[in-house]
């Protein structure tokens, strides 16, 4: 599971994050499941929407690659 998937569950639904970022819901779902790359613009927007303060790329790593949420 990617870290972003767990964070979406804790901090808001994919639909809410989709609205905040302007990313279409189907694309958001693919990104969160690791089926579509986030690319820098989208990745940074998602990081801002969930309140992530670390490197946005960490959100799209497999969970366990980093110890704690930032």
PDB file of N, CA and C in Angstrom:
ATOM      1  N   UNK A   1       0.846  -1.172   0.000  1.00  0.00           N
ATOM      2  CA  UNK A   1       0.000   0.000   0.000  1.00  0.00           C
ATOM      3  C   UNK A   1       0.891   1.235   0.000  1.00  0.00           C
ATOM      4  N   UNK A   2       0.550   2.180  -0.851  1.00  0.00           N
ATOM      5  CA  UNK A   2       1.289   3.431  -0.867  1.00  0.00           C
ATOM      6  C   UNK A   2       0.882   4.275   0.334  1.00  0.00           C
ATOM      7  N   UNK A   3       1.823   5.053   0.818  1.00  0.00           N
ATOM      8  CA  UNK A   3       1.546   5.927   1.965  1.00  0.00           C
ATOM      9  C   UNK A   3       0.336   6.831   1.696  1.00  0.00           C
ATOM     10  N   UNK A   4       0.200   7.363   0.488  1.00  0.00           N
ATOM     11  CA  UNK A   4      -0.899   8.273   0.178  1.00  0.00           C
ATOM     12  C   UNK A   4      -2.248   7.590   0.360  1.00  0.00           C
ATOM     13  N   UNK A   5      -2.327   6.317   0.077  1.00  0.00           N
ATOM     14  CA  UNK A   5      -3.598   5.604   0.240  1.00  0.00           C
ATOM     15  C   UNK A   5      -4.030   5.594   1.706  1.00  0.00           C
ATOM     16  N   UNK A   6      -3.097   5.318   2.592  1.00  0.00           N
ATOM     17  CA  UNK A   6      -3.425   5.315   4.023  1.00  0.00           C
ATOM     18  C   UNK A   6      -3.764   6.723   4.501  1.00  0.00           C
ATOM     19  N   UNK A   7      -3.021   7.708   4.027  1.00  0.00           N
ATOM     20  CA  UNK A   7      -3.288   9.087   4.428  1.00  0.00           C
ATOM     21  C   UNK A   7      -4.663   9.535   3.936  1.00  0.00           C
ATOM     22  N   UNK A   8      -5.030   9.153   2.731  1.00  0.00           N
ATOM     23  CA  UNK A   8      -6.357   9.507   2.223  1.00  0.00           C
ATOM     24  C   UNK A   8      -7.443   8.936   3.123  1.00  0.00           C
ATOM     25  N   UNK A   9      -7.240   7.744   3.604  1.00  0.00           N
ATOM     26  CA  UNK A   9      -8.213   7.131   4.507  1.00  0.00           C
ATOM     27  C   UNK A   9      -8.315   7.897   5.815  1.00  0.00           C
ATOM     28  N   UNK A  10      -7.183   8.404   6.315  1.00  0.00           N
ATOM     29  CA  UNK A  10      -7.161   9.093   7.609  1.00  0.00           C
ATOM     30  C   UNK A  10      -7.572  10.561   7.522  1.00  0.00           C
ATOM     31  N   UNK A  11      -7.185  11.244   6.454  1.00  0.00           N
ATOM     32  CA  UNK A  11      -7.343  12.701   6.395  1.00  0.00           C
ATOM     33  C   UNK A  11      -8.440  13.185   5.464  1.00  0.00           C
ATOM     34  N   UNK A  12      -9.042  12.311   4.739  1.00  0.00           N
ATOM     35  CA  UNK A  12     -10.097  12.733   3.822  1.00  0.00           C
ATOM     36  C   UNK A  12     -10.246  11.747   2.690  1.00  0.00           C
ATOM     37  N   UNK A  13     -11.402  11.737   2.099  1.00  0.00           N
ATOM     38  CA  UNK A  13     -11.643  10.803   1.006  1.00  0.00           C
ATOM     39  C   UNK A  13     -10.921  11.257  -0.250  1.00  0.00           C
ATOM     40  N   UNK A  14     -10.786  10.349  -1.170  1.00  0.00           N
ATOM     41  CA  UNK A  14     -10.186  10.691  -2.456  1.00  0.00           C
ATOM     42  C   UNK A  14     -11.016  11.770  -3.149  1.00  0.00           C
ATOM     43  N   UNK A  15     -12.340  11.707  -3.000  1.00  0.00           N
ATOM     44  CA  UNK A  15     -13.208  12.707  -3.627  1.00  0.00           C
ATOM     45  C   UNK A  15     -12.918  14.102  -3.077  1.00  0.00           C
ATOM     46  N   UNK A  16     -12.717  14.221  -1.770  1.00  0.00           N
ATOM     47  CA  UNK A  16     -12.403  15.520  -1.177  1.00  0.00           C
ATOM     48  C   UNK A  16     -11.067  16.040  -1.679  1.00  0.00           C
ATOM     49  N   UNK A  17     -10.089  15.164  -1.739  1.00  0.00           N
ATOM     50  CA  UNK A  17      -8.766  15.564  -2.220  1.00  0.00           C
ATOM     51  C   UNK A  17      -8.838  15.919  -3.705  1.00  0.00           C
ATOM     52  N   UNK A  18      -9.642  15.188  -4.442  1.00  0.00           N
ATOM     53  CA  UNK A  18      -9.852  15.490  -5.856  1.00  0.00           C
ATOM     54  C   UNK A  18     -10.420  16.894  -6.035  1.00  0.00           C
ATOM     55  N   UNK A  19     -11.400  17.253  -5.228  1.00  0.00           N
ATOM     56  CA  UNK A  19     -11.989  18.595  -5.301  1.00  0.00           C
ATOM     57  C   UNK A  19     -10.955  19.671  -4.950  1.00  0.00           C
ATOM     58  N   UNK A  20     -10.163  19.419  -3.926  1.00  0.00           N
ATOM     59  CA  UNK A  20      -9.157  20.405  -3.502  1.00  0.00           C
ATOM     60  C   UNK A  20      -8.076  20.625  -4.555  1.00  0.00           C
ATOM     61  N   UNK A  21      -7.746  19.571  -5.283  1.00  0.00           N
ATOM     62  CA  UNK A  21      -6.633  19.647  -6.231  1.00  0.00           C
ATOM     63  C   UNK A  21      -7.062  19.910  -7.667  1.00  0.00           C
ATOM     64  N   UNK A  22      -8.320  19.644  -7.974  1.00  0.00           N
ATOM     65  CA  UNK A  22      -8.782  19.763  -9.349  1.00  0.00           C
ATOM     66  C   UNK A  22      -8.434  18.558 -10.207  1.00  0.00           C
ATOM     67  N   UNK A  23      -7.955  17.501  -9.581  1.00  0.00           N
ATOM     68  CA  UNK A  23      -7.637  16.265 -10.295  1.00  0.00           C
ATOM     69  C   UNK A  23      -8.918  15.440 -10.372  1.00  0.00           C
ATOM     70  N   UNK A  24      -9.241  14.935 -11.545  1.00  0.00           N
ATOM     71  CA  UNK A  24     -10.444  14.127 -11.734  1.00  0.00           C
ATOM     72  C   UNK A  24     -10.439  12.917 -10.803  1.00  0.00           C
ATOM     73  N   UNK A  25     -11.604  12.550 -10.301  1.00  0.00           N
ATOM     74  CA  UNK A  25     -11.700  11.430  -9.361  1.00  0.00           C
ATOM     75  C   UNK A  25     -11.117  10.133  -9.903  1.00  0.00           C
ATOM     76  N   UNK A  26     -11.411   9.758 -11.165  1.00  0.00           N
ATOM     77  CA  UNK A  26     -10.802   8.511 -11.673  1.00  0.00           C
ATOM     78  C   UNK A  26      -9.272   8.575 -11.689  1.00  0.00           C
ATOM     79  N   UNK A  27      -8.719   9.717 -12.070  1.00  0.00           N
ATOM     80  CA  UNK A  27      -7.256   9.875 -12.072  1.00  0.00           C
ATOM     81  C   UNK A  27      -6.722   9.816 -10.650  1.00  0.00           C
ATOM     82  N   UNK A  28      -7.418  10.450  -9.713  1.00  0.00           N
ATOM     83  CA  UNK A  28      -6.997  10.420  -8.300  1.00  0.00           C
ATOM     84  C   UNK A  28      -6.954   8.978  -7.806  1.00  0.00           C
ATOM     85  N   UNK A  29      -7.964   8.214  -8.134  1.00  0.00           N
ATOM     86  CA  UNK A  29      -8.002   6.811  -7.716  1.00  0.00           C
ATOM     87  C   UNK A  29      -6.814   6.038  -8.275  1.00  0.00           C
ATOM     88  N   UNK A  30      -6.510   6.245  -9.544  1.00  0.00           N
ATOM     89  CA  UNK A  30      -5.367   5.542 -10.152  1.00  0.00           C
ATOM     90  C   UNK A  30      -4.055   5.963  -9.512  1.00  0.00           C
ATOM     91  N   UNK A  31      -3.911   7.240  -9.218  1.00  0.00           N
ATOM     92  CA  UNK A  31      -2.684   7.742  -8.579  1.00  0.00           C
ATOM     93  C   UNK A  31      -2.529   7.130  -7.195  1.00  0.00           C
ATOM     94  N   UNK A  32      -3.596   7.155  -6.411  1.00  0.00           N
ATOM     95  CA  UNK A  32      -3.549   6.640  -5.036  1.00  0.00           C
ATOM     96  C   UNK A  32      -3.248   5.146  -5.021  1.00  0.00           C
ATOM     97  N   UNK A  33      -3.722   4.421  -6.007  1.00  0.00           N
ATOM     98  CA  UNK A  33      -3.469   2.975  -6.072  1.00  0.00           C
ATOM     99  C   UNK A  33      -2.149   2.635  -6.741  1.00  0.00           C
ATOM    100  N   UNK A  34      -1.420   3.651  -7.193  1.00  0.00           N
ATOM    101  CA  UNK A  34      -0.124   3.412  -7.808  1.00  0.00           C
ATOM    102  C   UNK A  34      -0.196   2.972  -9.256  1.00  0.00           C
ATOM    103  N   UNK A  35      -1.349   3.162  -9.899  1.00  0.00           N
ATOM    104  CA  UNK A  35      -1.521   2.737 -11.283  1.00  0.00           C
ATOM    105  C   UNK A  35      -1.179   3.836 -12.282  1.00  0.00           C
ATOM    106  N   UNK A  36      -1.048   5.058 -11.796  1.00  0.00           N
ATOM    107  CA  UNK A  36      -0.714   6.212 -12.637  1.00  0.00           C
ATOM    108  C   UNK A  36       0.291   7.062 -11.869  1.00  0.00           C
ATOM    109  N   UNK A  37       1.347   7.514 -12.522  1.00  0.00           N
ATOM    110  CA  UNK A  37       2.326   8.337 -11.805  1.00  0.00           C
ATOM    111  C   UNK A  37       1.726   9.689 -11.419  1.00  0.00           C
ATOM    112  N   UNK A  38       2.137  10.228 -10.277  1.00  0.00           N
ATOM    113  CA  UNK A  38       1.578  11.503  -9.850  1.00  0.00           C
ATOM    114  C   UNK A  38       2.157  12.699 -10.594  1.00  0.00           C
ATOM    115  N   UNK A  39       3.331  12.569 -11.175  1.00  0.00           N
ATOM    116  CA  UNK A  39       4.013  13.686 -11.817  1.00  0.00           C
ATOM    117  C   UNK A  39       4.134  14.856 -10.835  1.00  0.00           C
ATOM    118  N   UNK A  40       5.110  15.693 -10.994  1.00  0.00           N
ATOM    119  CA  UNK A  40       5.364  16.733  -9.983  1.00  0.00           C
ATOM    120  C   UNK A  40       4.184  17.659  -9.687  1.00  0.00           C
ATOM    121  N   UNK A  41       3.528  18.185 -10.698  1.00  0.00           N
ATOM    122  CA  UNK A  41       2.447  19.144 -10.442  1.00  0.00           C
ATOM    123  C   UNK A  41       1.325  18.505  -9.625  1.00  0.00           C
ATOM    124  N   UNK A  42       0.890  17.336 -10.035  1.00  0.00           N
ATOM    125  CA  UNK A  42      -0.174  16.643  -9.302  1.00  0.00           C
ATOM    126  C   UNK A  42       0.301  16.188  -7.932  1.00  0.00           C
ATOM    127  N   UNK A  43       1.493  15.641  -7.865  1.00  0.00           N
ATOM    128  CA  UNK A  43       2.024  15.164  -6.594  1.00  0.00           C
ATOM    129  C   UNK A  43       2.116  16.266  -5.556  1.00  0.00           C
ATOM    130  N   UNK A  44       2.579  17.427  -5.984  1.00  0.00           N
ATOM    131  CA  UNK A  44       2.675  18.568  -5.068  1.00  0.00           C
ATOM    132  C   UNK A  44       1.299  19.049  -4.647  1.00  0.00           C
ATOM    133  N   UNK A  45       0.339  19.050  -5.564  1.00  0.00           N
ATOM    134  CA  UNK A  45      -1.025  19.471  -5.229  1.00  0.00           C
ATOM    135  C   UNK A  45      -1.653  18.505  -4.224  1.00  0.00           C
ATOM    136  N   UNK A  46      -1.436  17.217  -4.406  1.00  0.00           N
ATOM    137  CA  UNK A  46      -1.974  16.218  -3.478  1.00  0.00           C
ATOM    138  C   UNK A  46      -1.322  16.392  -2.115  1.00  0.00           C
ATOM    139  N   UNK A  47      -0.012  16.587  -2.093  1.00  0.00           N
ATOM    140  CA  UNK A  47       0.695  16.784  -0.826  1.00  0.00           C
ATOM    141  C   UNK A  47       0.131  17.983  -0.076  1.00  0.00           C
ATOM    142  N   UNK A  48      -0.107  19.076  -0.776  1.00  0.00           N
ATOM    143  CA  UNK A  48      -0.681  20.271  -0.140  1.00  0.00           C
ATOM    144  C   UNK A  48      -2.085  19.988   0.372  1.00  0.00           C
ATOM    145  N   UNK A  49      -2.870  19.260  -0.392  1.00  0.00           N
ATOM    146  CA  UNK A  49      -4.256  18.976  -0.017  1.00  0.00           C
ATOM    147  C   UNK A  49      -4.361  18.128   1.245  1.00  0.00           C
ATOM    148  N   UNK A  50      -3.387  17.249   1.463  1.00  0.00           N
ATOM    149  CA  UNK A  50      -3.433  16.389   2.660  1.00  0.00           C
ATOM    150  C   UNK A  50      -2.577  16.945   3.795  1.00  0.00           C
ATOM    151  N   UNK A  51      -1.946  18.090   3.573  1.00  0.00           N
ATOM    152  CA  UNK A  51      -1.148  18.706   4.623  1.00  0.00           C
ATOM    153  C   UNK A  51       0.208  18.059   4.840  1.00  0.00           C
ATOM    154  N   UNK A  52       0.761  17.468   3.796  1.00  0.00           N
ATOM    155  CA  UNK A  52       2.064  16.802   3.882  1.00  0.00           C
ATOM    156  C   UNK A  52       3.167  17.848   3.848  1.00  0.00           C
ATOM    157  N   UNK A  53       4.104  17.773   4.778  1.00  0.00           N
ATOM    158  CA  UNK A  53       5.168  18.773   4.868  1.00  0.00           C
ATOM    159  C   UNK A  53       6.517  18.259   4.398  1.00  0.00           C
ATOM    160  N   UNK A  54       6.614  16.989   4.103  1.00  0.00           N
ATOM    161  CA  UNK A  54       7.873  16.434   3.621  1.00  0.00           C
ATOM    162  C   UNK A  54       7.945  16.494   2.110  1.00  0.00           C
ATOM    163  N   UNK A  55       8.880  15.782   1.562  1.00  0.00           N
ATOM    164  CA  UNK A  55       9.035  15.684   0.115  1.00  0.00           C
ATOM    165  C   UNK A  55       7.797  14.989  -0.452  1.00  0.00           C
ATOM    166  N   UNK A  56       7.159  15.587  -1.433  1.00  0.00           N
ATOM    167  CA  UNK A  56       5.913  15.042  -1.976  1.00  0.00           C
ATOM    168  C   UNK A  56       6.093  13.628  -2.510  1.00  0.00           C
ATOM    169  N   UNK A  57       7.286  13.299  -2.972  1.00  0.00           N
ATOM    170  CA  UNK A  57       7.529  11.958  -3.539  1.00  0.00           C
ATOM    171  C   UNK A  57       7.401  10.861  -2.492  1.00  0.00           C
ATOM    172  N   UNK A  58       7.622  11.201  -1.219  1.00  0.00           N
ATOM    173  CA  UNK A  58       7.483  10.207  -0.147  1.00  0.00           C
ATOM    174  C   UNK A  58       6.057   9.676  -0.042  1.00  0.00           C
ATOM    175  N   UNK A  59       5.089  10.476  -0.441  1.00  0.00           N
ATOM    176  CA  UNK A  59       3.694  10.042  -0.376  1.00  0.00           C
ATOM    177  C   UNK A  59       3.412   8.863  -1.289  1.00  0.00           C
ATOM    178  N   UNK A  60       4.204   8.724  -2.323  1.00  0.00           N
ATOM    179  CA  UNK A  60       3.935   7.723  -3.344  1.00  0.00           C
ATOM    180  C   UNK A  60       4.888   6.538  -3.267  1.00  0.00           C
ATOM    181  N   UNK A  61       5.527   6.389  -2.108  1.00  0.00           N
ATOM    182  CA  UNK A  61       6.379   5.227  -1.822  1.00  0.00           C
ATOM    183  C   UNK A  61       5.540   4.184  -1.107  1.00  0.00           C
ATOM    184  N   UNK A  62       5.992   2.950  -1.177  1.00  0.00           N
ATOM    185  CA  UNK A  62       5.335   1.899  -0.420  1.00  0.00           C
ATOM    186  C   UNK A  62       5.404   2.210   1.057  1.00  0.00           C
ATOM    187  N   UNK A  63       4.331   1.945   1.746  1.00  0.00           N
ATOM    188  CA  UNK A  63       4.301   2.191   3.190  1.00  0.00           C
ATOM    189  C   UNK A  63       5.383   1.359   3.854  1.00  0.00           C
ATOM    190  N   UNK A  64       6.022   1.949   4.844  1.00  0.00           N
ATOM    191  CA  UNK A  64       7.109   1.271   5.515  1.00  0.00           C
ATOM    192  C   UNK A  64       8.467   1.767   5.050  1.00  0.00           C
ATOM    193  N   UNK A  65       8.481   2.457   3.888  1.00  0.00           N
ATOM    194  CA  UNK A  65       9.742   3.016   3.403  1.00  0.00           C
ATOM    195  C   UNK A  65      10.218   4.145   4.319  1.00  0.00           C
ATOM    196  N   UNK A  66       9.266   4.791   5.003  1.00  0.00           N
ATOM    197  CA  UNK A  66       9.553   5.856   5.965  1.00  0.00           C
ATOM    198  C   UNK A  66       8.772   5.540   7.216  1.00  0.00           C
ATOM    199  N   UNK A  67       9.266   5.962   8.364  1.00  0.00           N
ATOM    200  CA  UNK A  67       8.668   5.540   9.620  1.00  0.00           C
ATOM    201  C   UNK A  67       7.373   6.245  10.001  1.00  0.00           C
ATOM    202  N   UNK A  68       7.306   7.557   9.933  1.00  0.00           N
ATOM    203  CA  UNK A  68       6.157   8.293  10.446  1.00  0.00           C
ATOM    204  C   UNK A  68       5.625   9.274   9.432  1.00  0.00           C
ATOM    205  N   UNK A  69       4.351   9.647   9.573  1.00  0.00           N
ATOM    206  CA  UNK A  69       3.783  10.733   8.779  1.00  0.00           C
ATOM    207  C   UNK A  69       4.486  12.012   9.172  1.00  0.00           C
ATOM    208  N   UNK A  70       4.519  12.954   8.261  1.00  0.00           N
ATOM    209  CA  UNK A  70       5.144  14.248   8.571  1.00  0.00           C
ATOM    210  C   UNK A  70       4.066  15.271   8.739  1.00  0.00           C
TER     211      UNK A  70
END
